[in-house]
Amino acid sequence: MNYQKVQGRPNLVRDTESGAILNTNKGAVEQYRMIREKHDNKNKQIEQMQSDILELQQIIKQLVEKDGD
């Protein structure tokens, strides 16, 4: 693989075969991955809470209907 430095960006190189831009700053890449993982985990928690709320709403509705009979 051949890499060409990206002008004005010391931490970036371009793969001359694929044209992909690569970050050579390993610390920044790892930090990005950690932030992305935290974001994904928060989204999963929010989805779980939404599901729990819907379930609670259904239970309350059933209790109200049962109490009304």
PDB file of N, CA and C in Angstrom:
ATOM      1  N   MET A   1       0.835  -1.176   0.000  1.00  0.00           N
ATOM      2  CA  MET A   1       0.000   0.000   0.000  1.00  0.00           C
ATOM      3  C   MET A   1       0.878   1.237   0.000  1.00  0.00           C
ATOM      4  N   ASN A   2       0.463   2.205  -0.779  1.00  0.00           N
ATOM      5  CA  ASN A   2       1.172   3.476  -0.829  1.00  0.00           C
ATOM      6  C   ASN A   2       0.285   4.561  -0.241  1.00  0.00           C
ATOM      7  N   TYR A   3       0.887   5.412   0.558  1.00  0.00           N
ATOM      8  CA  TYR A   3       0.148   6.495   1.181  1.00  0.00           C
ATOM      9  C   TYR A   3       0.722   7.832   0.755  1.00  0.00           C
ATOM     10  N   GLN A   4      -0.166   8.797   0.635  1.00  0.00           N
ATOM     11  CA  GLN A   4       0.242  10.148   0.269  1.00  0.00           C
ATOM     12  C   GLN A   4      -0.298  11.083   1.350  1.00  0.00           C
ATOM     13  N   LYS A   5       0.535  11.961   1.887  1.00  0.00           N
ATOM     14  CA  LYS A   5       0.103  12.877   2.927  1.00  0.00           C
ATOM     15  C   LYS A   5      -0.974  13.816   2.385  1.00  0.00           C
ATOM     16  N   VAL A   6      -1.939  14.133   3.242  1.00  0.00           N
ATOM     17  CA  VAL A   6      -2.993  15.078   2.885  1.00  0.00           C
ATOM     18  C   VAL A   6      -2.499  16.470   3.264  1.00  0.00           C
ATOM     19  N   GLN A   7      -2.502  17.358   2.307  1.00  0.00           N
ATOM     20  CA  GLN A   7      -1.970  18.701   2.505  1.00  0.00           C
ATOM     21  C   GLN A   7      -2.738  19.440   3.607  1.00  0.00           C
ATOM     22  N   GLY A   8      -1.998  20.009   4.552  1.00  0.00           N
ATOM     23  CA  GLY A   8      -2.598  20.785   5.632  1.00  0.00           C
ATOM     24  C   GLY A   8      -3.190  19.950   6.745  1.00  0.00           C
ATOM     25  N   ARG A   9      -3.057  18.638   6.674  1.00  0.00           N
ATOM     26  CA  ARG A   9      -3.603  17.725   7.688  1.00  0.00           C
ATOM     27  C   ARG A   9      -2.535  16.724   8.067  1.00  0.00           C
ATOM     28  N   PRO A  10      -1.745  17.014   9.090  1.00  0.00           N
ATOM     29  CA  PRO A  10      -0.598  16.165   9.431  1.00  0.00           C
ATOM     30  C   PRO A  10      -0.960  14.743   9.870  1.00  0.00           C
ATOM     31  N   ASN A  11      -2.179  14.531  10.346  1.00  0.00           N
ATOM     32  CA  ASN A  11      -2.573  13.207  10.828  1.00  0.00           C
ATOM     33  C   ASN A  11      -3.348  12.383   9.806  1.00  0.00           C
ATOM     34  N   LEU A  12      -3.471  12.899   8.579  1.00  0.00           N
ATOM     35  CA  LEU A  12      -4.241  12.186   7.565  1.00  0.00           C
ATOM     36  C   LEU A  12      -3.362  11.818   6.372  1.00  0.00           C
ATOM     37  N   VAL A  13      -3.622  10.621   5.825  1.00  0.00           N
ATOM     38  CA  VAL A  13      -2.961  10.174   4.606  1.00  0.00           C
ATOM     39  C   VAL A  13      -4.009   9.591   3.672  1.00  0.00           C
ATOM     40  N   ARG A  14      -3.716   9.590   2.388  1.00  0.00           N
ATOM     41  CA  ARG A  14      -4.616   8.998   1.397  1.00  0.00           C
ATOM     42  C   ARG A  14      -3.980   7.728   0.869  1.00  0.00           C
ATOM     43  N   ASP A  15      -4.753   6.653   0.875  1.00  0.00           N
ATOM     44  CA  ASP A  15      -4.330   5.393   0.273  1.00  0.00           C
ATOM     45  C   ASP A  15      -4.432   5.596  -1.237  1.00  0.00           C
ATOM     46  N   THR A  16      -3.311   5.534  -1.923  1.00  0.00           N
ATOM     47  CA  THR A  16      -3.305   5.826  -3.361  1.00  0.00           C
ATOM     48  C   THR A  16      -4.021   4.762  -4.185  1.00  0.00           C
ATOM     49  N   GLU A  17      -4.186   3.569  -3.646  1.00  0.00           N
ATOM     50  CA  GLU A  17      -4.874   2.500  -4.387  1.00  0.00           C
ATOM     51  C   GLU A  17      -6.389   2.628  -4.287  1.00  0.00           C
ATOM     52  N   SER A  18      -6.895   2.864  -3.074  1.00  0.00           N
ATOM     53  CA  SER A  18      -8.346   2.911  -2.883  1.00  0.00           C
ATOM     54  C   SER A  18      -8.887   4.337  -2.840  1.00  0.00           C
ATOM     55  N   GLY A  19      -8.018   5.309  -2.559  1.00  0.00           N
ATOM     56  CA  GLY A  19      -8.469   6.693  -2.436  1.00  0.00           C
ATOM     57  C   GLY A  19      -8.987   7.031  -1.053  1.00  0.00           C
ATOM     58  N   ALA A  20      -8.960   6.063  -0.146  1.00  0.00           N
ATOM     59  CA  ALA A  20      -9.470   6.270   1.209  1.00  0.00           C
ATOM     60  C   ALA A  20      -8.566   7.214   1.990  1.00  0.00           C
ATOM     61  N   ILE A  21      -9.190   8.027   2.835  1.00  0.00           N
ATOM     62  CA  ILE A  21      -8.452   8.900   3.736  1.00  0.00           C
ATOM     63  C   ILE A  21      -8.332   8.165   5.073  1.00  0.00           C
ATOM     64  N   LEU A  22      -7.125   8.078   5.600  1.00  0.00           N
ATOM     65  CA  LEU A  22      -6.867   7.351   6.837  1.00  0.00           C
ATOM     66  C   LEU A  22      -6.289   8.284   7.881  1.00  0.00           C
ATOM     67  N   ASN A  23      -6.723   8.107   9.129  1.00  0.00           N
ATOM     68  CA  ASN A  23      -6.196   8.890  10.236  1.00  0.00           C
ATOM     69  C   ASN A  23      -5.032   8.113  10.843  1.00  0.00           C
ATOM     70  N   THR A  24      -3.873   8.736  10.915  1.00  0.00           N
ATOM     71  CA  THR A  24      -2.694   8.071  11.464  1.00  0.00           C
ATOM     72  C   THR A  24      -2.518   8.349  12.949  1.00  0.00           C
ATOM     73  N   ASN A  25      -3.400   9.185  13.527  1.00  0.00           N
ATOM     74  CA  ASN A  25      -3.349   9.494  14.954  1.00  0.00           C
ATOM     75  C   ASN A  25      -4.147   8.426  15.696  1.00  0.00           C
ATOM     76  N   LYS A  26      -3.460   7.426  16.222  1.00  0.00           N
ATOM     77  CA  LYS A  26      -4.119   6.286  16.869  1.00  0.00           C
ATOM     78  C   LYS A  26      -4.942   6.712  18.076  1.00  0.00           C
ATOM     79  N   GLY A  27      -4.442   7.696  18.826  1.00  0.00           N
ATOM     80  CA  GLY A  27      -5.169   8.181  20.002  1.00  0.00           C
ATOM     81  C   GLY A  27      -6.509   8.787  19.630  1.00  0.00           C
ATOM     82  N   ALA A  28      -6.536   9.575  18.565  1.00  0.00           N
ATOM     83  CA  ALA A  28      -7.781  10.200  18.114  1.00  0.00           C
ATOM     84  C   ALA A  28      -8.767   9.148  17.611  1.00  0.00           C
ATOM     85  N   VAL A  29      -8.261   8.142  16.947  1.00  0.00           N
ATOM     86  CA  VAL A  29      -9.125   7.068  16.445  1.00  0.00           C
ATOM     87  C   VAL A  29      -9.742   6.314  17.613  1.00  0.00           C
ATOM     88  N   GLU A  30      -8.949   5.991  18.614  1.00  0.00           N
ATOM     89  CA  GLU A  30      -9.448   5.279  19.793  1.00  0.00           C
ATOM     90  C   GLU A  30     -10.465   6.132  20.547  1.00  0.00           C
ATOM     91  N   GLN A  31     -10.201   7.421  20.676  1.00  0.00           N
ATOM     92  CA  GLN A  31     -11.130   8.322  21.353  1.00  0.00           C
ATOM     93  C   GLN A  31     -12.460   8.364  20.598  1.00  0.00           C
ATOM     94  N   TYR A  32     -12.407   8.422  19.278  1.00  0.00           N
ATOM     95  CA  TYR A  32     -13.622   8.419  18.471  1.00  0.00           C
ATOM     96  C   TYR A  32     -14.416   7.132  18.696  1.00  0.00           C
ATOM     97  N   ARG A  33     -13.737   6.019  18.729  1.00  0.00           N
ATOM     98  CA  ARG A  33     -14.421   4.733  18.935  1.00  0.00           C
ATOM     99  C   ARG A  33     -15.104   4.682  20.295  1.00  0.00           C
ATOM    100  N   MET A  34     -14.444   5.220  21.316  1.00  0.00           N
ATOM    101  CA  MET A  34     -15.032   5.231  22.657  1.00  0.00           C
ATOM    102  C   MET A  34     -16.272   6.126  22.696  1.00  0.00           C
ATOM    103  N   ILE A  35     -16.192   7.283  22.052  1.00  0.00           N
ATOM    104  CA  ILE A  35     -17.341   8.192  22.007  1.00  0.00           C
ATOM    105  C   ILE A  35     -18.495   7.544  21.262  1.00  0.00           C
ATOM    106  N   ARG A  36     -18.193   6.896  20.141  1.00  0.00           N
ATOM    107  CA  ARG A  36     -19.232   6.227  19.355  1.00  0.00           C
ATOM    108  C   ARG A  36     -19.885   5.101  20.158  1.00  0.00           C
ATOM    109  N   GLU A  37     -19.086   4.344  20.900  1.00  0.00           N
ATOM    110  CA  GLU A  37     -19.623   3.261  21.718  1.00  0.00           C
ATOM    111  C   GLU A  37     -20.540   3.802  22.812  1.00  0.00           C
ATOM    112  N   LYS A  38     -20.134   4.896  23.458  1.00  0.00           N
ATOM    113  CA  LYS A  38     -20.982   5.509  24.486  1.00  0.00           C
ATOM    114  C   LYS A  38     -22.299   5.980  23.876  1.00  0.00           C
ATOM    115  N   HIS A  39     -22.213   6.573  22.705  1.00  0.00           N
ATOM    116  CA  HIS A  39     -23.408   7.059  22.017  1.00  0.00           C
ATOM    117  C   HIS A  39     -24.340   5.890  21.679  1.00  0.00           C
ATOM    118  N   ASP A  40     -23.776   4.811  21.178  1.00  0.00           N
ATOM    119  CA  ASP A  40     -24.575   3.629  20.849  1.00  0.00           C
ATOM    120  C   ASP A  40     -25.239   3.057  22.096  1.00  0.00           C
ATOM    121  N   ASN A  41     -24.502   3.011  23.201  1.00  0.00           N
ATOM    122  CA  ASN A  41     -25.056   2.497  24.458  1.00  0.00           C
ATOM    123  C   ASN A  41     -26.199   3.373  24.955  1.00  0.00           C
ATOM    124  N   LYS A  42     -26.053   4.692  24.837  1.00  0.00           N
ATOM    125  CA  LYS A  42     -27.131   5.591  25.247  1.00  0.00           C
ATOM    126  C   LYS A  42     -28.367   5.359  24.398  1.00  0.00           C
ATOM    127  N   ASN A  43     -28.173   5.188  23.096  1.00  0.00           N
ATOM    128  CA  ASN A  43     -29.314   4.932  22.210  1.00  0.00           C
ATOM    129  C   ASN A  43     -30.023   3.639  22.587  1.00  0.00           C
ATOM    130  N   LYS A  44     -29.262   2.607  22.927  1.00  0.00           N
ATOM    131  CA  LYS A  44     -29.863   1.336  23.340  1.00  0.00           C
ATOM    132  C   LYS A  44     -30.643   1.512  24.631  1.00  0.00           C
ATOM    133  N   GLN A  45     -30.098   2.290  25.568  1.00  0.00           N
ATOM    134  CA  GLN A  45     -30.802   2.538  26.828  1.00  0.00           C
ATOM    135  C   GLN A  45     -32.106   3.291  26.580  1.00  0.00           C
ATOM    136  N   ILE A  46     -32.073   4.278  25.708  1.00  0.00           N
ATOM    137  CA  ILE A  46     -33.276   5.051  25.391  1.00  0.00           C
ATOM    138  C   ILE A  46     -34.324   4.147  24.753  1.00  0.00           C
ATOM    139  N   GLU A  47     -33.915   3.300  23.829  1.00  0.00           N
ATOM    140  CA  GLU A  47     -34.856   2.373  23.192  1.00  0.00           C
ATOM    141  C   GLU A  47     -35.465   1.428  24.220  1.00  0.00           C
ATOM    142  N   GLN A  48     -34.658   0.946  25.168  1.00  0.00           N
ATOM    143  CA  GLN A  48     -35.162   0.051  26.203  1.00  0.00           C
ATOM    144  C   GLN A  48     -36.156   0.780  27.105  1.00  0.00           C
ATOM    145  N   MET A  49     -35.856   2.030  27.448  1.00  0.00           N
ATOM    146  CA  MET A  49     -36.773   2.802  28.287  1.00  0.00           C
ATOM    147  C   MET A  49     -38.084   3.059  27.563  1.00  0.00           C
ATOM    148  N   GLN A  50     -38.025   3.344  26.265  1.00  0.00           N
ATOM    149  CA  GLN A  50     -39.246   3.549  25.489  1.00  0.00           C
ATOM    150  C   GLN A  50     -40.090   2.281  25.481  1.00  0.00           C
ATOM    151  N   SER A  51     -39.433   1.154  25.327  1.00  0.00           N
ATOM    152  CA  SER A  51     -40.133  -0.128  25.352  1.00  0.00           C
ATOM    153  C   SER A  51     -40.768  -0.371  26.721  1.00  0.00           C
ATOM    154  N   ASP A  52     -40.020  -0.065  27.775  1.00  0.00           N
ATOM    155  CA  ASP A  52     -40.544  -0.237  29.136  1.00  0.00           C
ATOM    156  C   ASP A  52     -41.753   0.664  29.378  1.00  0.00           C
ATOM    157  N   ILE A  53     -41.698   1.902  28.888  1.00  0.00           N
ATOM    158  CA  ILE A  53     -42.812   2.835  29.055  1.00  0.00           C
ATOM    159  C   ILE A  53     -44.049   2.316  28.336  1.00  0.00           C
ATOM    160  N   LEU A  54     -43.878   1.816  27.126  1.00  0.00           N
ATOM    161  CA  LEU A  54     -45.015   1.264  26.389  1.00  0.00           C
ATOM    162  C   LEU A  54     -45.630   0.077  27.143  1.00  0.00           C
ATOM    163  N   GLU A  55     -44.778  -0.757  27.698  1.00  0.00           N
ATOM    164  CA  GLU A  55     -45.265  -1.905  28.454  1.00  0.00           C
ATOM    165  C   GLU A  55     -46.035  -1.449  29.685  1.00  0.00           C
ATOM    166  N   LEU A  56     -45.512  -0.452  30.394  1.00  0.00           N
ATOM    167  CA  LEU A  56     -46.206   0.077  31.565  1.00  0.00           C
ATOM    168  C   LEU A  56     -47.543   0.699  31.185  1.00  0.00           C
ATOM    169  N   GLN A  57     -47.586   1.401  30.060  1.00  0.00           N
ATOM    170  CA  GLN A  57     -48.845   1.988  29.600  1.00  0.00           C
ATOM    171  C   GLN A  57     -49.886   0.911  29.325  1.00  0.00           C
ATOM    172  N   GLN A  58     -49.457  -0.195  28.730  1.00  0.00           N
ATOM    173  CA  GLN A  58     -50.379  -1.293  28.446  1.00  0.00           C
ATOM    174  C   GLN A  58     -50.893  -1.916  29.742  1.00  0.00           C
ATOM    175  N   ILE A  59     -50.015  -2.074  30.710  1.00  0.00           N
ATOM    176  CA  ILE A  59     -50.418  -2.652  31.999  1.00  0.00           C
ATOM    177  C   ILE A  59     -51.419  -1.735  32.695  1.00  0.00           C
ATOM    178  N   ILE A  60     -51.157  -0.432  32.698  1.00  0.00           N
ATOM    179  CA  ILE A  60     -52.068   0.525  33.322  1.00  0.00           C
ATOM    180  C   ILE A  60     -53.418   0.501  32.625  1.00  0.00           C
ATOM    181  N   LYS A  61     -53.407   0.448  31.312  1.00  0.00           N
ATOM    182  CA  LYS A  61     -54.659   0.405  30.555  1.00  0.00           C
ATOM    183  C   LYS A  61     -55.461  -0.841  30.926  1.00  0.00           C
ATOM    184  N   GLN A  62     -54.785  -1.980  31.037  1.00  0.00           N
ATOM    185  CA  GLN A  62     -55.460  -3.224  31.415  1.00  0.00           C
ATOM    186  C   GLN A  62     -56.041  -3.112  32.820  1.00  0.00           C
ATOM    187  N   LEU A  63     -55.296  -2.504  33.736  1.00  0.00           N
ATOM    188  CA  LEU A  63     -55.775  -2.355  35.113  1.00  0.00           C
ATOM    189  C   LEU A  63     -56.988  -1.429  35.182  1.00  0.00           C
ATOM    190  N   VAL A  64     -56.950  -0.364  34.412  1.00  0.00           N
ATOM    191  CA  VAL A  64     -58.070   0.572  34.393  1.00  0.00           C
ATOM    192  C   VAL A  64     -59.308  -0.093  33.809  1.00  0.00           C
ATOM    193  N   GLU A  65     -59.127  -0.836  32.729  1.00  0.00           N
ATOM    194  CA  GLU A  65     -60.255  -1.533  32.104  1.00  0.00           C
ATOM    195  C   GLU A  65     -60.815  -2.595  33.038  1.00  0.00           C
ATOM    196  N   LYS A  66     -59.949  -3.288  33.750  1.00  0.00           N
ATOM    197  CA  LYS A  66     -60.367  -4.334  34.681  1.00  0.00           C
ATOM    198  C   LYS A  66     -61.119  -3.737  35.849  1.00  0.00           C
ATOM    199  N   ASP A  67     -60.649  -2.590  36.321  1.00  0.00           N
ATOM    200  CA  ASP A  67     -61.277  -1.907  37.460  1.00  0.00           C
ATOM    201  C   ASP A  67     -62.640  -1.341  37.063  1.00  0.00           C
ATOM    202  N   GLY A  68     -62.798  -0.971  35.807  1.00  0.00           N
ATOM    203  CA  GLY A  68     -64.049  -0.401  35.314  1.00  0.00           C
ATOM    204  C   GLY A  68     -65.147  -1.437  35.115  1.00  0.00           C
ATOM    205  N   ASP A  69     -64.766  -2.692  35.040  1.00  0.00           N
ATOM    206  CA  ASP A  69     -65.773  -3.755  34.792  1.00  0.00           C
ATOM    207  C   ASP A  69     -66.521  -4.136  36.020  1.00  0.00           C
TER     208      ASP A  69
END
